[in-house]
C-alpha atoms as a PDB file:
ATOM      1  CA  MET A   1       0.000   0.000   0.000  1.00  0.00           C
ATOM      2  CA  ALA A   2       1.401   3.411  -0.974  1.00  0.00           C
ATOM      3  CA  TYR A   3       1.332   6.261   1.492  1.00  0.00           C
ATOM      4  CA  HIS A   4       1.278   9.840   0.282  1.00  0.00           C
ATOM      5  CA  ASN A   5       2.176  12.366   2.908  1.00  0.00           C
ATOM      6  CA  LYS A   6       3.345  15.554   1.196  1.00  0.00           C
ATOM      7  CA  LEU A   7       1.179  17.928  -0.793  1.00  0.00           C
ATOM      8  CA  TYR A   8       2.796  19.628  -3.779  1.00  0.00           C
ATOM      9  CA  LYS A   9       1.722  21.946  -6.573  1.00  0.00           C
ATOM     10  CA  GLN A  10       2.192  20.584 -10.096  1.00  0.00           C
ATOM     11  CA  LEU A  11       2.018  21.910 -13.652  1.00  0.00           C
ATOM     12  CA  SER A  12       2.986  20.287 -16.935  1.00  0.00           C
ATOM     13  CA  CYS A  13       3.475  21.617 -20.437  1.00  0.00           C
ATOM     14  CA  ARG A  14       0.749  19.211 -21.560  1.00  0.00           C
ATOM     15  CA  ASP A  15      -1.669  20.895 -19.124  1.00  0.00           C
ATOM     16  CA  PHE A  16      -0.829  24.107 -20.947  1.00  0.00           C
ATOM     17  CA  GLY A  17      -1.490  22.475 -24.338  1.00  0.00           C
ATOM     18  CA  ALA A  18       2.121  21.979 -25.415  1.00  0.00           C
ATOM     19  CA  ASP A  19       3.513  18.763 -26.896  1.00  0.00           C
ATOM     20  CA  CYS A  20       6.219  18.524 -24.216  1.00  0.00           C
ATOM     21  CA  ASP A  21       6.800  16.119 -21.321  1.00  0.00           C
ATOM     22  CA  PHE A  22       8.047  18.755 -18.849  1.00  0.00           C
ATOM     23  CA  VAL A  23       6.433  18.582 -15.402  1.00  0.00           C
ATOM     24  CA  VAL A  24       7.250  20.836 -12.474  1.00  0.00           C
ATOM     25  CA  ARG A  25       6.315  19.961  -8.912  1.00  0.00           C
ATOM     26  CA  ALA A  26       7.094  22.302  -6.025  1.00  0.00           C
ATOM     27  CA  LYS A  27       5.858  23.308  -2.592  1.00  0.00           C
ATOM     28  CA  THR A  28       4.358  26.639  -3.630  1.00  0.00           C
ATOM     29  CA  THR A  29       2.482  28.101  -6.565  1.00  0.00           C
ATOM     30  CA  GLU A  30       5.155  30.790  -6.902  1.00  0.00           C
ATOM     31  CA  GLU A  31       7.894  28.161  -7.272  1.00  0.00           C
ATOM     32  CA  VAL A  32       5.883  26.282  -9.902  1.00  0.00           C
ATOM     33  CA  MET A  33       5.372  29.484 -11.857  1.00  0.00           C
ATOM     34  CA  GLU A  34       9.051  30.447 -11.616  1.00  0.00           C
ATOM     35  CA  TYR A  35      10.222  27.037 -12.881  1.00  0.00           C
ATOM     36  CA  GLY A  36       7.485  27.030 -15.516  1.00  0.00           C
ATOM     37  CA  TYR A  37       8.480  30.424 -16.877  1.00  0.00           C
ATOM     38  CA  ASN A  38      12.173  29.447 -16.880  1.00  0.00           C
ATOM     39  CA  HIS A  39      11.369  26.267 -18.821  1.00  0.00           C
ATOM     40  CA  SER A  40       9.118  28.122 -21.246  1.00  0.00           C
ATOM     41  CA  CYS A  41      11.860  30.636 -21.999  1.00  0.00           C
ATOM     42  CA  THR A  42      14.802  28.238 -22.283  1.00  0.00           C
ATOM     43  CA  VAL A  43      13.063  25.377 -24.116  1.00  0.00           C
ATOM     44  CA  HIS A  44      10.188  26.974 -26.020  1.00  0.00           C
ATOM     45  CA  ALA A  45      11.690  30.470 -26.536  1.00  0.00           C
ATOM     46  CA  LYS A  46       8.545  32.000 -25.011  1.00  0.00           C
ATOM     47  CA  CYS A  47       9.924  34.443 -22.472  1.00  0.00           C
ATOM     48  CA  GLY A  48       8.214  36.895 -20.180  1.00  0.00           C
ATOM     49  CA  SER A  49       4.949  36.903 -18.335  1.00  0.00           C
ATOM     50  CA  SER A  50       1.684  38.731 -18.545  1.00  0.00           C
ATOM     51  CA  PRO A  51      -1.347  38.965 -16.264  1.00  0.00           C
ATOM     52  CA  LYS A  52      -3.286  36.735 -18.689  1.00  0.00           C
ATOM     53  CA  THR A  53      -0.561  34.065 -18.742  1.00  0.00           C
ATOM     54  CA  ASP A  54      -0.153  34.239 -14.962  1.00  0.00           C
ATOM     55  CA  GLU A  55      -3.884  33.709 -14.510  1.00  0.00           C
ATOM     56  CA  ARG A  56      -3.927  30.770 -16.915  1.00  0.00           C
ATOM     57  CA  MET A  57      -0.919  29.126 -15.259  1.00  0.00           C
ATOM     58  CA  ARG A  58      -2.462  29.512 -11.814  1.00  0.00           C
ATOM     59  CA  SER A  59      -5.716  27.944 -13.021  1.00  0.00           C
ATOM     60  CA  LEU A  60      -3.860  24.894 -14.367  1.00  0.00           C
ATOM     61  CA  ILE A  61      -1.765  24.156 -11.274  1.00  0.00           C
ATOM     62  CA  ASN A  62      -2.928  21.007  -9.533  1.00  0.00           C
ATOM     63  CA  ASN A  63      -2.428  19.757  -5.992  1.00  0.00           C
ATOM     64  CA  VAL A  64      -0.789  16.326  -5.873  1.00  0.00           C
ATOM     65  CA  TRP A  65       0.130  14.068  -2.975  1.00  0.00           C
ATOM     66  CA  VAL A  66       3.577  12.500  -3.174  1.00  0.00           C
END
Protein backbone atom coordinates (compact mmCIF):
# COMPACT_ATOMS: atom_id res chain seq x y z
CA MET A 1 0.00 0.00 0.00
CA ALA A 2 1.40 3.41 -0.97
CA TYR A 3 1.33 6.26 1.49
CA HIS A 4 1.28 9.84 0.28
CA ASN A 5 2.18 12.37 2.91
CA LYS A 6 3.34 15.55 1.20
CA LEU A 7 1.18 17.93 -0.79
CA TYR A 8 2.80 19.63 -3.78
CA LYS A 9 1.72 21.95 -6.57
CA GLN A 10 2.19 20.58 -10.10
CA LEU A 11 2.02 21.91 -13.65
CA SER A 12 2.99 20.29 -16.93
CA CYS A 13 3.48 21.62 -20.44
CA ARG A 14 0.75 19.21 -21.56
CA ASP A 15 -1.67 20.89 -19.12
CA PHE A 16 -0.83 24.11 -20.95
CA GLY A 17 -1.49 22.47 -24.34
CA ALA A 18 2.12 21.98 -25.42
CA ASP A 19 3.51 18.76 -26.90
CA CYS A 20 6.22 18.52 -24.22
CA ASP A 21 6.80 16.12 -21.32
CA PHE A 22 8.05 18.76 -18.85
CA VAL A 23 6.43 18.58 -15.40
CA VAL A 24 7.25 20.84 -12.47
CA ARG A 25 6.32 19.96 -8.91
CA ALA A 26 7.09 22.30 -6.02
CA LYS A 27 5.86 23.31 -2.59
CA THR A 28 4.36 26.64 -3.63
CA THR A 29 2.48 28.10 -6.56
CA GLU A 30 5.15 30.79 -6.90
CA GLU A 31 7.89 28.16 -7.27
CA VAL A 32 5.88 26.28 -9.90
CA MET A 33 5.37 29.48 -11.86
CA GLU A 34 9.05 30.45 -11.62
CA TYR A 35 10.22 27.04 -12.88
CA GLY A 36 7.49 27.03 -15.52
CA TYR A 37 8.48 30.42 -16.88
CA ASN A 38 12.17 29.45 -16.88
CA HIS A 39 11.37 26.27 -18.82
CA SER A 40 9.12 28.12 -21.25
CA CYS A 41 11.86 30.64 -22.00
CA THR A 42 14.80 28.24 -22.28
CA VAL A 43 13.06 25.38 -24.12
CA HIS A 44 10.19 26.97 -26.02
CA ALA A 45 11.69 30.47 -26.54
CA LYS A 46 8.55 32.00 -25.01
CA CYS A 47 9.92 34.44 -22.47
CA GLY A 48 8.21 36.90 -20.18
CA SER A 49 4.95 36.90 -18.34
CA SER A 50 1.68 38.73 -18.54
CA PRO A 51 -1.35 38.96 -16.26
CA LYS A 52 -3.29 36.74 -18.69
CA THR A 53 -0.56 34.07 -18.74
CA ASP A 54 -0.15 34.24 -14.96
CA GLU A 55 -3.88 33.71 -14.51
CA ARG A 56 -3.93 30.77 -16.91
CA MET A 57 -0.92 29.13 -15.26
CA ARG A 58 -2.46 29.51 -11.81
CA SER A 59 -5.72 27.94 -13.02
CA LEU A 60 -3.86 24.89 -14.37
CA ILE A 61 -1.77 24.16 -11.27
CA ASN A 62 -2.93 21.01 -9.53
CA ASN A 63 -2.43 19.76 -5.99
CA VAL A 64 -0.79 16.33 -5.87
CA TRP A 65 0.13 14.07 -2.98
CA VAL A 66 3.58 12.50 -3.17
